[in-house]
Amino acid sequence: MEHIGTKTIETERLILRRFKLTDAKDMFNNYTSHALVTEYLTWYPHKTLEDTQQYLSQIVLPDYEKPDTYKWAIVWKENGQVIGSIDVVESIERKQRAELGWVIGEEYWGKGIMPEAAREVVKYLFNVGYERVQAIHDVANKKSGRVMEKVGMKHEGTLLKYNPNRDNVLIDCDMWAITK
């Protein structure tokens, strides 16, 4: 597999690009501070803008030094703001498998934005050399499953006590995947 890292991808309505420290304000205002947005994620909402800045500077940005990092800021062309993120949360190169995770601000739900972004990222990952792209969601989060379906992923089943939530409790997850 020839890793090329996170390169900019453009769609009709979106720019998917690397994060910058200056994105913190958009992130905080659009999604990292929202309880409803983070309800099914593995992290709690950020309480302050400084929390988001620290997350960017200590976790996200250093990852870009590795060529196998695939982590995009989702920029809504209409207003130029970072409204979400999509990234490879787990990669098993030996099995040519990547797992996607994503988040988007509530104001942007139901507009087809996440399926638009995810379809392009899936194509990108297939071009890198992955043969399978998968995603999971808390069984209670049916909206995430709907996005996976729109991307062309197939529901493969429910995995019992599969992934820890933000309280470190193992939850049941639905598994979806698409192959090259």
N, C-alpha and C. Protein backbone atom coordinates (compact mmCIF):
# COMPACT_ATOMS: atom_id res chain seq x y z
N MET A 1 0.85 -1.18 0.00
CA MET A 1 0.00 0.00 0.00
C MET A 1 0.90 1.24 0.00
N GLU A 2 0.60 2.16 -0.87
CA GLU A 2 1.38 3.39 -1.00
C GLU A 2 0.62 4.54 -0.34
N HIS A 3 0.97 4.84 0.91
CA HIS A 3 0.28 5.89 1.64
C HIS A 3 0.68 7.27 1.12
N ILE A 4 -0.33 8.11 0.94
CA ILE A 4 -0.09 9.47 0.45
C ILE A 4 -0.57 10.53 1.43
N GLY A 5 -1.19 10.09 2.52
CA GLY A 5 -1.66 11.03 3.54
C GLY A 5 -2.88 11.81 3.09
N THR A 6 -3.20 12.82 3.86
CA THR A 6 -4.40 13.62 3.65
C THR A 6 -4.15 14.69 2.62
N LYS A 7 -4.76 14.52 1.46
CA LYS A 7 -4.69 15.52 0.39
C LYS A 7 -6.07 16.16 0.26
N THR A 8 -6.12 17.35 -0.28
CA THR A 8 -7.39 18.07 -0.45
C THR A 8 -8.27 17.38 -1.49
N ILE A 9 -9.55 17.27 -1.15
CA ILE A 9 -10.56 16.72 -2.04
C ILE A 9 -11.65 17.79 -2.16
N GLU A 10 -12.11 18.03 -3.38
CA GLU A 10 -13.17 19.02 -3.57
C GLU A 10 -14.38 18.35 -4.21
N THR A 11 -15.56 18.67 -3.69
CA THR A 11 -16.81 18.22 -4.27
C THR A 11 -17.60 19.46 -4.68
N GLU A 12 -18.80 19.26 -5.15
CA GLU A 12 -19.62 20.40 -5.58
C GLU A 12 -19.82 21.41 -4.46
N ARG A 13 -20.06 20.91 -3.22
CA ARG A 13 -20.38 21.82 -2.11
C ARG A 13 -19.34 21.87 -1.01
N LEU A 14 -18.32 21.02 -1.10
CA LEU A 14 -17.39 20.86 0.03
C LEU A 14 -15.94 20.93 -0.40
N ILE A 15 -15.11 21.33 0.56
CA ILE A 15 -13.67 21.17 0.45
C ILE A 15 -13.26 20.31 1.65
N LEU A 16 -12.62 19.20 1.37
CA LEU A 16 -12.08 18.33 2.42
C LEU A 16 -10.58 18.56 2.41
N ARG A 17 -10.05 19.02 3.54
CA ARG A 17 -8.64 19.39 3.62
C ARG A 17 -8.09 19.10 5.00
N ARG A 18 -6.78 19.26 5.13
CA ARG A 18 -6.16 19.11 6.44
C ARG A 18 -6.65 20.21 7.38
N PHE A 19 -6.71 19.86 8.65
CA PHE A 19 -7.05 20.86 9.66
C PHE A 19 -5.90 21.84 9.85
N LYS A 20 -6.24 23.05 10.30
CA LYS A 20 -5.28 24.07 10.69
C LYS A 20 -5.67 24.55 12.09
N LEU A 21 -4.74 25.06 12.83
CA LEU A 21 -5.03 25.56 14.18
C LEU A 21 -6.11 26.65 14.14
N THR A 22 -6.14 27.41 13.07
CA THR A 22 -7.15 28.48 12.95
C THR A 22 -8.57 27.95 12.75
N ASP A 23 -8.74 26.64 12.59
CA ASP A 23 -10.07 26.04 12.44
C ASP A 23 -10.79 25.87 13.78
N ALA A 24 -10.08 26.06 14.87
CA ALA A 24 -10.64 25.76 16.19
C ALA A 24 -11.96 26.48 16.47
N LYS A 25 -12.05 27.74 16.11
CA LYS A 25 -13.26 28.51 16.39
C LYS A 25 -14.47 27.93 15.64
N ASP A 26 -14.30 27.65 14.35
CA ASP A 26 -15.38 27.03 13.58
C ASP A 26 -15.77 25.68 14.18
N MET A 27 -14.78 24.89 14.51
CA MET A 27 -15.06 23.57 15.09
C MET A 27 -15.87 23.70 16.37
N PHE A 28 -15.41 24.58 17.25
CA PHE A 28 -16.09 24.77 18.54
C PHE A 28 -17.52 25.27 18.33
N ASN A 29 -17.68 26.24 17.47
CA ASN A 29 -19.01 26.81 17.24
C ASN A 29 -19.95 25.85 16.52
N ASN A 30 -19.42 25.03 15.62
CA ASN A 30 -20.27 24.18 14.79
C ASN A 30 -20.49 22.76 15.32
N TYR A 31 -19.52 22.22 16.08
CA TYR A 31 -19.76 20.84 16.52
C TYR A 31 -19.06 20.38 17.78
N THR A 32 -17.85 20.77 18.06
CA THR A 32 -17.16 20.16 19.21
C THR A 32 -17.78 20.51 20.56
N SER A 33 -18.55 21.60 20.62
CA SER A 33 -19.15 22.02 21.90
C SER A 33 -20.61 21.59 22.05
N HIS A 34 -21.15 20.87 21.09
CA HIS A 34 -22.58 20.55 21.07
C HIS A 34 -22.88 19.16 21.63
N ALA A 35 -23.66 19.13 22.69
CA ALA A 35 -24.00 17.86 23.36
C ALA A 35 -24.75 16.91 22.44
N LEU A 36 -25.68 17.41 21.65
CA LEU A 36 -26.46 16.54 20.77
C LEU A 36 -25.57 15.94 19.67
N VAL A 37 -24.65 16.72 19.16
CA VAL A 37 -23.75 16.25 18.10
C VAL A 37 -22.84 15.15 18.63
N THR A 38 -22.37 15.27 19.85
CA THR A 38 -21.40 14.32 20.40
C THR A 38 -22.04 13.17 21.19
N GLU A 39 -23.35 13.12 21.21
CA GLU A 39 -24.08 12.13 22.03
C GLU A 39 -23.59 10.70 21.82
N TYR A 40 -23.33 10.30 20.60
CA TYR A 40 -22.93 8.92 20.32
C TYR A 40 -21.44 8.76 20.04
N LEU A 41 -20.67 9.79 20.28
CA LEU A 41 -19.24 9.73 19.99
C LEU A 41 -18.46 9.22 21.20
N THR A 42 -17.16 9.10 21.03
CA THR A 42 -16.32 8.57 22.10
C THR A 42 -15.74 9.68 22.98
N TRP A 43 -16.18 10.92 22.76
CA TRP A 43 -15.67 12.05 23.55
C TRP A 43 -16.83 12.97 23.92
N TYR A 44 -16.63 13.67 25.03
CA TYR A 44 -17.62 14.63 25.52
C TYR A 44 -17.47 15.96 24.79
N PRO A 45 -18.53 16.77 24.78
CA PRO A 45 -18.41 18.09 24.15
C PRO A 45 -17.31 18.92 24.83
N HIS A 46 -16.65 19.70 24.03
CA HIS A 46 -15.63 20.59 24.57
C HIS A 46 -16.32 21.74 25.31
N LYS A 47 -15.77 22.09 26.45
CA LYS A 47 -16.37 23.15 27.27
C LYS A 47 -15.90 24.54 26.86
N THR A 48 -14.68 24.60 26.33
CA THR A 48 -14.12 25.90 25.96
C THR A 48 -13.44 25.81 24.59
N LEU A 49 -13.26 26.98 24.00
CA LEU A 49 -12.52 27.05 22.74
C LEU A 49 -11.10 26.52 22.93
N GLU A 50 -10.54 26.74 24.11
CA GLU A 50 -9.18 26.26 24.40
C GLU A 50 -9.13 24.73 24.34
N ASP A 51 -10.21 24.05 24.74
CA ASP A 51 -10.25 22.58 24.63
C ASP A 51 -10.08 22.14 23.18
N THR A 52 -10.77 22.83 22.29
CA THR A 52 -10.68 22.49 20.86
C THR A 52 -9.31 22.84 20.32
N GLN A 53 -8.76 23.97 20.72
CA GLN A 53 -7.41 24.34 20.28
C GLN A 53 -6.38 23.32 20.74
N GLN A 54 -6.53 22.87 21.98
CA GLN A 54 -5.60 21.87 22.53
C GLN A 54 -5.73 20.54 21.77
N TYR A 55 -6.96 20.14 21.48
CA TYR A 55 -7.20 18.91 20.71
C TYR A 55 -6.51 19.01 19.34
N LEU A 56 -6.67 20.12 18.69
CA LEU A 56 -6.04 20.30 17.38
C LEU A 56 -4.52 20.27 17.47
N SER A 57 -3.97 21.05 18.39
CA SER A 57 -2.51 21.20 18.46
C SER A 57 -1.80 19.95 19.00
N GLN A 58 -2.44 19.21 19.89
CA GLN A 58 -1.78 18.07 20.51
C GLN A 58 -2.11 16.72 19.87
N ILE A 59 -3.27 16.62 19.23
CA ILE A 59 -3.69 15.32 18.69
C ILE A 59 -3.77 15.33 17.16
N VAL A 60 -4.56 16.24 16.62
CA VAL A 60 -4.83 16.22 15.18
C VAL A 60 -3.61 16.62 14.35
N LEU A 61 -3.08 17.80 14.58
CA LEU A 61 -2.02 18.31 13.72
C LEU A 61 -0.74 17.46 13.74
N PRO A 62 -0.28 16.96 14.88
CA PRO A 62 0.91 16.11 14.87
C PRO A 62 0.73 14.83 14.03
N ASP A 63 -0.49 14.34 13.91
CA ASP A 63 -0.74 13.13 13.13
C ASP A 63 -0.39 13.30 11.66
N TYR A 64 -0.46 14.52 11.15
CA TYR A 64 -0.18 14.76 9.74
C TYR A 64 1.27 14.48 9.36
N GLU A 65 2.14 14.34 10.35
CA GLU A 65 3.54 14.01 10.06
C GLU A 65 3.68 12.59 9.56
N LYS A 66 2.67 11.75 9.81
CA LYS A 66 2.70 10.35 9.37
C LYS A 66 1.97 10.22 8.03
N PRO A 67 2.59 9.55 7.04
CA PRO A 67 1.97 9.45 5.71
C PRO A 67 0.70 8.59 5.68
N ASP A 68 0.45 7.82 6.73
CA ASP A 68 -0.76 6.98 6.75
C ASP A 68 -1.89 7.63 7.55
N THR A 69 -1.83 8.95 7.72
CA THR A 69 -2.90 9.70 8.39
C THR A 69 -3.87 10.21 7.33
N TYR A 70 -5.14 9.89 7.55
CA TYR A 70 -6.21 10.34 6.65
C TYR A 70 -7.27 11.01 7.51
N LYS A 71 -7.19 12.35 7.60
CA LYS A 71 -8.01 13.12 8.52
C LYS A 71 -8.37 14.45 7.86
N TRP A 72 -9.65 14.62 7.53
CA TRP A 72 -10.08 15.79 6.80
C TRP A 72 -11.01 16.69 7.60
N ALA A 73 -10.79 17.99 7.47
CA ALA A 73 -11.76 18.99 7.91
C ALA A 73 -12.78 19.11 6.78
N ILE A 74 -14.05 19.17 7.13
CA ILE A 74 -15.10 19.36 6.12
C ILE A 74 -15.46 20.84 6.10
N VAL A 75 -15.17 21.49 4.98
CA VAL A 75 -15.45 22.91 4.82
C VAL A 75 -16.67 23.06 3.90
N TRP A 76 -17.68 23.76 4.38
CA TRP A 76 -18.89 24.05 3.62
C TRP A 76 -18.58 25.27 2.76
N LYS A 77 -18.54 25.08 1.44
CA LYS A 77 -18.18 26.17 0.53
C LYS A 77 -19.09 27.39 0.69
N GLU A 78 -20.34 27.15 1.00
CA GLU A 78 -21.32 28.23 1.09
C GLU A 78 -20.92 29.32 2.09
N ASN A 79 -20.28 28.90 3.20
CA ASN A 79 -19.88 29.90 4.19
C ASN A 79 -18.39 29.85 4.56
N GLY A 80 -17.65 28.90 3.98
CA GLY A 80 -16.22 28.79 4.23
C GLY A 80 -15.85 28.26 5.60
N GLN A 81 -16.82 27.75 6.34
CA GLN A 81 -16.56 27.27 7.70
C GLN A 81 -16.28 25.77 7.75
N VAL A 82 -15.47 25.38 8.74
CA VAL A 82 -15.29 23.96 9.05
C VAL A 82 -16.53 23.54 9.83
N ILE A 83 -17.26 22.57 9.26
CA ILE A 83 -18.54 22.14 9.85
C ILE A 83 -18.50 20.72 10.37
N GLY A 84 -17.37 20.02 10.16
CA GLY A 84 -17.27 18.64 10.62
C GLY A 84 -15.93 18.06 10.26
N SER A 85 -15.82 16.75 10.47
CA SER A 85 -14.59 16.05 10.12
C SER A 85 -14.92 14.63 9.70
N ILE A 86 -14.02 14.06 8.92
CA ILE A 86 -14.11 12.66 8.53
C ILE A 86 -12.69 12.13 8.49
N ASP A 87 -12.49 10.96 9.08
CA ASP A 87 -11.13 10.42 9.10
C ASP A 87 -11.12 8.92 9.25
N VAL A 88 -9.95 8.35 8.93
CA VAL A 88 -9.71 6.93 9.16
C VAL A 88 -9.37 6.80 10.64
N VAL A 89 -10.25 6.15 11.37
CA VAL A 89 -10.04 6.00 12.81
C VAL A 89 -9.27 4.73 13.14
N GLU A 90 -9.25 3.80 12.19
CA GLU A 90 -8.48 2.57 12.37
C GLU A 90 -8.10 2.05 10.99
N SER A 91 -6.84 1.64 10.87
CA SER A 91 -6.34 1.10 9.62
C SER A 91 -5.60 -0.19 9.92
N ILE A 92 -5.95 -1.23 9.20
CA ILE A 92 -5.22 -2.49 9.30
C ILE A 92 -4.68 -2.77 7.91
N GLU A 93 -3.45 -2.32 7.68
CA GLU A 93 -2.86 -2.38 6.35
C GLU A 93 -2.74 -3.82 5.86
N ARG A 94 -2.35 -4.73 6.73
CA ARG A 94 -2.18 -6.13 6.37
C ARG A 94 -3.46 -6.71 5.78
N LYS A 95 -4.60 -6.22 6.27
CA LYS A 95 -5.91 -6.69 5.80
C LYS A 95 -6.53 -5.73 4.78
N GLN A 96 -5.78 -4.69 4.41
CA GLN A 96 -6.21 -3.69 3.43
C GLN A 96 -7.58 -3.11 3.79
N ARG A 97 -7.71 -2.80 5.10
CA ARG A 97 -9.00 -2.36 5.64
C ARG A 97 -8.84 -1.04 6.38
N ALA A 98 -9.78 -0.12 6.12
CA ALA A 98 -9.81 1.16 6.82
C ALA A 98 -11.20 1.34 7.41
N GLU A 99 -11.24 1.92 8.60
CA GLU A 99 -12.52 2.23 9.25
C GLU A 99 -12.67 3.74 9.35
N LEU A 100 -13.80 4.23 8.88
CA LEU A 100 -14.08 5.66 8.91
C LEU A 100 -14.87 6.07 10.14
N GLY A 101 -14.65 7.29 10.56
CA GLY A 101 -15.45 7.93 11.59
C GLY A 101 -15.71 9.36 11.15
N TRP A 102 -16.83 9.92 11.58
CA TRP A 102 -17.15 11.28 11.17
C TRP A 102 -18.03 11.98 12.17
N VAL A 103 -18.08 13.29 12.04
CA VAL A 103 -18.95 14.14 12.86
C VAL A 103 -19.26 15.38 12.04
N ILE A 104 -20.47 15.89 12.21
CA ILE A 104 -20.88 17.10 11.50
C ILE A 104 -21.83 17.88 12.40
N GLY A 105 -21.76 19.19 12.31
CA GLY A 105 -22.61 20.05 13.11
C GLY A 105 -24.09 19.82 12.84
N GLU A 106 -24.89 19.93 13.88
CA GLU A 106 -26.34 19.68 13.80
C GLU A 106 -27.03 20.55 12.75
N GLU A 107 -26.58 21.77 12.61
CA GLU A 107 -27.18 22.69 11.63
C GLU A 107 -27.08 22.13 10.20
N TYR A 108 -26.15 21.21 9.97
CA TYR A 108 -25.88 20.68 8.64
C TYR A 108 -26.42 19.26 8.44
N TRP A 109 -27.12 18.74 9.42
CA TRP A 109 -27.73 17.42 9.30
C TRP A 109 -28.83 17.44 8.24
N GLY A 110 -29.03 16.32 7.59
CA GLY A 110 -30.14 16.16 6.66
C GLY A 110 -29.97 16.87 5.33
N LYS A 111 -28.76 17.31 5.00
CA LYS A 111 -28.53 18.02 3.74
C LYS A 111 -27.69 17.20 2.76
N GLY A 112 -27.40 15.95 3.12
CA GLY A 112 -26.60 15.09 2.24
C GLY A 112 -25.13 15.40 2.25
N ILE A 113 -24.68 16.20 3.21
CA ILE A 113 -23.28 16.62 3.26
C ILE A 113 -22.36 15.45 3.61
N MET A 114 -22.72 14.70 4.66
CA MET A 114 -21.83 13.62 5.08
C MET A 114 -21.74 12.51 4.03
N PRO A 115 -22.86 12.10 3.42
CA PRO A 115 -22.70 11.11 2.34
C PRO A 115 -21.82 11.62 1.19
N GLU A 116 -21.96 12.90 0.87
CA GLU A 116 -21.14 13.50 -0.19
C GLU A 116 -19.66 13.41 0.16
N ALA A 117 -19.33 13.75 1.39
CA ALA A 117 -17.93 13.69 1.84
C ALA A 117 -17.44 12.25 1.90
N ALA A 118 -18.23 11.38 2.48
CA ALA A 118 -17.80 9.99 2.68
C ALA A 118 -17.61 9.25 1.36
N ARG A 119 -18.46 9.50 0.37
CA ARG A 119 -18.29 8.85 -0.94
C ARG A 119 -16.93 9.20 -1.54
N GLU A 120 -16.54 10.46 -1.43
CA GLU A 120 -15.26 10.89 -1.99
C GLU A 120 -14.08 10.31 -1.20
N VAL A 121 -14.22 10.23 0.10
CA VAL A 121 -13.16 9.66 0.93
C VAL A 121 -13.01 8.17 0.63
N VAL A 122 -14.11 7.47 0.46
CA VAL A 122 -14.05 6.04 0.12
C VAL A 122 -13.29 5.86 -1.19
N LYS A 123 -13.60 6.65 -2.21
CA LYS A 123 -12.88 6.57 -3.50
C LYS A 123 -11.39 6.83 -3.30
N TYR A 124 -11.08 7.83 -2.50
CA TYR A 124 -9.70 8.19 -2.21
C TYR A 124 -8.96 7.00 -1.58
N LEU A 125 -9.61 6.38 -0.60
CA LEU A 125 -8.97 5.25 0.10
C LEU A 125 -8.81 4.04 -0.80
N PHE A 126 -9.76 3.80 -1.69
CA PHE A 126 -9.60 2.71 -2.66
C PHE A 126 -8.40 3.00 -3.57
N ASN A 127 -8.22 4.26 -3.96
CA ASN A 127 -7.08 4.62 -4.80
C ASN A 127 -5.75 4.45 -4.07
N VAL A 128 -5.76 4.63 -2.76
CA VAL A 128 -4.55 4.43 -1.95
C VAL A 128 -4.17 2.95 -1.92
N GLY A 129 -5.18 2.08 -2.02
CA GLY A 129 -4.90 0.64 -2.00
C GLY A 129 -5.73 -0.17 -1.02
N TYR A 130 -6.61 0.49 -0.28
CA TYR A 130 -7.50 -0.25 0.60
C TYR A 130 -8.52 -1.02 -0.24
N GLU A 131 -8.85 -2.22 0.19
CA GLU A 131 -9.84 -3.05 -0.50
C GLU A 131 -11.20 -2.99 0.19
N ARG A 132 -11.21 -2.60 1.46
CA ARG A 132 -12.45 -2.56 2.24
C ARG A 132 -12.45 -1.28 3.08
N VAL A 133 -13.57 -0.58 3.07
CA VAL A 133 -13.77 0.57 3.94
C VAL A 133 -15.03 0.27 4.75
N GLN A 134 -14.90 0.39 6.06
CA GLN A 134 -16.01 0.07 6.94
C GLN A 134 -16.27 1.20 7.90
N ALA A 135 -17.42 1.12 8.56
CA ALA A 135 -17.78 2.10 9.59
C ALA A 135 -18.75 1.42 10.55
N ILE A 136 -18.70 1.86 11.79
CA ILE A 136 -19.62 1.33 12.80
C ILE A 136 -20.38 2.49 13.43
N HIS A 137 -21.50 2.15 14.04
CA HIS A 137 -22.22 3.15 14.82
C HIS A 137 -22.95 2.47 15.96
N ASP A 138 -23.14 3.22 17.01
CA ASP A 138 -23.95 2.78 18.15
C ASP A 138 -25.31 2.37 17.58
N VAL A 139 -25.82 1.21 18.00
CA VAL A 139 -27.10 0.74 17.45
C VAL A 139 -28.22 1.75 17.66
N ALA A 140 -28.09 2.60 18.65
CA ALA A 140 -29.12 3.61 18.91
C ALA A 140 -29.05 4.79 17.94
N ASN A 141 -27.95 4.93 17.23
CA ASN A 141 -27.74 6.06 16.33
C ASN A 141 -28.08 5.67 14.88
N LYS A 142 -29.34 5.54 14.61
CA LYS A 142 -29.81 5.09 13.29
C LYS A 142 -29.46 6.07 12.17
N LYS A 143 -29.37 7.37 12.50
CA LYS A 143 -29.05 8.36 11.46
C LYS A 143 -27.66 8.10 10.86
N SER A 144 -26.73 7.66 11.67
CA SER A 144 -25.40 7.36 11.17
C SER A 144 -25.46 6.17 10.21
N GLY A 145 -26.25 5.19 10.54
CA GLY A 145 -26.44 4.05 9.65
C GLY A 145 -27.03 4.46 8.32
N ARG A 146 -27.92 5.43 8.35
CA ARG A 146 -28.54 5.92 7.11
C ARG A 146 -27.48 6.56 6.21
N VAL A 147 -26.53 7.29 6.81
CA VAL A 147 -25.44 7.87 6.03
C VAL A 147 -24.63 6.75 5.38
N MET A 148 -24.31 5.72 6.14
CA MET A 148 -23.52 4.60 5.61
C MET A 148 -24.22 3.94 4.43
N GLU A 149 -25.51 3.80 4.56
CA GLU A 149 -26.31 3.22 3.47
C GLU A 149 -26.23 4.11 2.22
N LYS A 150 -26.33 5.41 2.38
CA LYS A 150 -26.28 6.35 1.26
C LYS A 150 -24.92 6.34 0.57
N VAL A 151 -23.88 5.99 1.32
CA VAL A 151 -22.53 5.92 0.76
C VAL A 151 -22.36 4.66 -0.09
N GLY A 152 -23.27 3.72 0.06
CA GLY A 152 -23.18 2.46 -0.67
C GLY A 152 -22.70 1.31 0.17
N MET A 153 -22.53 1.55 1.46
CA MET A 153 -22.12 0.48 2.36
C MET A 153 -23.28 -0.47 2.60
N LYS A 154 -22.93 -1.71 2.87
CA LYS A 154 -23.92 -2.74 3.20
C LYS A 154 -23.85 -3.05 4.69
N HIS A 155 -25.02 -3.22 5.28
CA HIS A 155 -25.09 -3.58 6.70
C HIS A 155 -24.68 -5.04 6.84
N GLU A 156 -23.65 -5.28 7.64
CA GLU A 156 -23.14 -6.64 7.79
C GLU A 156 -23.59 -7.32 9.08
N GLY A 157 -24.18 -6.56 9.98
CA GLY A 157 -24.67 -7.15 11.21
C GLY A 157 -24.42 -6.27 12.42
N THR A 158 -24.85 -6.79 13.57
CA THR A 158 -24.68 -6.09 14.83
C THR A 158 -23.61 -6.82 15.64
N LEU A 159 -22.65 -6.05 16.12
CA LEU A 159 -21.55 -6.59 16.93
C LEU A 159 -21.84 -6.26 18.38
N LEU A 160 -21.99 -7.30 19.19
CA LEU A 160 -22.36 -7.11 20.59
C LEU A 160 -21.16 -6.69 21.42
N LYS A 161 -21.40 -5.70 22.29
CA LYS A 161 -20.34 -5.18 23.18
C LYS A 161 -19.02 -5.00 22.42
N TYR A 162 -19.10 -4.25 21.34
CA TYR A 162 -17.99 -4.16 20.40
C TYR A 162 -17.04 -2.99 20.64
N ASN A 163 -17.59 -1.84 21.01
CA ASN A 163 -16.77 -0.64 21.08
C ASN A 163 -17.10 0.16 22.34
N PRO A 164 -16.09 0.71 23.01
CA PRO A 164 -16.39 1.52 24.19
C PRO A 164 -16.94 2.89 23.81
N ASN A 165 -17.95 3.33 24.55
CA ASN A 165 -18.45 4.70 24.36
C ASN A 165 -17.60 5.66 25.18
N ARG A 166 -18.01 6.90 25.30
CA ARG A 166 -17.19 7.89 26.01
C ARG A 166 -17.12 7.64 27.51
N ASP A 167 -18.01 6.80 28.03
CA ASP A 167 -17.95 6.41 29.44
C ASP A 167 -17.19 5.10 29.63
N ASN A 168 -16.56 4.63 28.56
CA ASN A 168 -15.78 3.39 28.54
C ASN A 168 -16.65 2.14 28.81
N VAL A 169 -17.92 2.22 28.42
CA VAL A 169 -18.83 1.08 28.50
C VAL A 169 -18.93 0.48 27.11
N LEU A 170 -18.74 -0.83 27.01
CA LEU A 170 -18.85 -1.47 25.70
C LEU A 170 -20.29 -1.46 25.21
N ILE A 171 -20.46 -1.00 23.99
CA ILE A 171 -21.80 -0.88 23.41
C ILE A 171 -21.92 -1.77 22.18
N ASP A 172 -23.16 -2.10 21.84
CA ASP A 172 -23.45 -2.83 20.60
C ASP A 172 -23.35 -1.86 19.44
N CYS A 173 -22.77 -2.34 18.34
CA CYS A 173 -22.56 -1.50 17.17
C CYS A 173 -23.02 -2.22 15.91
N ASP A 174 -23.59 -1.45 15.00
CA ASP A 174 -23.89 -1.97 13.66
C ASP A 174 -22.66 -1.75 12.79
N MET A 175 -22.31 -2.79 12.02
CA MET A 175 -21.15 -2.74 11.12
C MET A 175 -21.65 -2.60 9.68
N TRP A 176 -21.05 -1.65 8.98
CA TRP A 176 -21.33 -1.42 7.56
C TRP A 176 -20.01 -1.42 6.81
N ALA A 177 -20.04 -1.85 5.55
CA ALA A 177 -18.79 -1.88 4.77
C ALA A 177 -19.08 -1.79 3.28
N ILE A 178 -18.06 -1.36 2.56
CA ILE A 178 -18.07 -1.34 1.10
C ILE A 178 -16.71 -1.86 0.67
N THR A 179 -16.68 -2.62 -0.42
CA THR A 179 -15.42 -3.14 -0.93
C THR A 179 -15.14 -2.56 -2.30
N LYS A 180 -13.87 -2.58 -2.65
CA LYS A 180 -13.42 -2.02 -3.93
C LYS A 180 -14.03 -2.78 -5.09
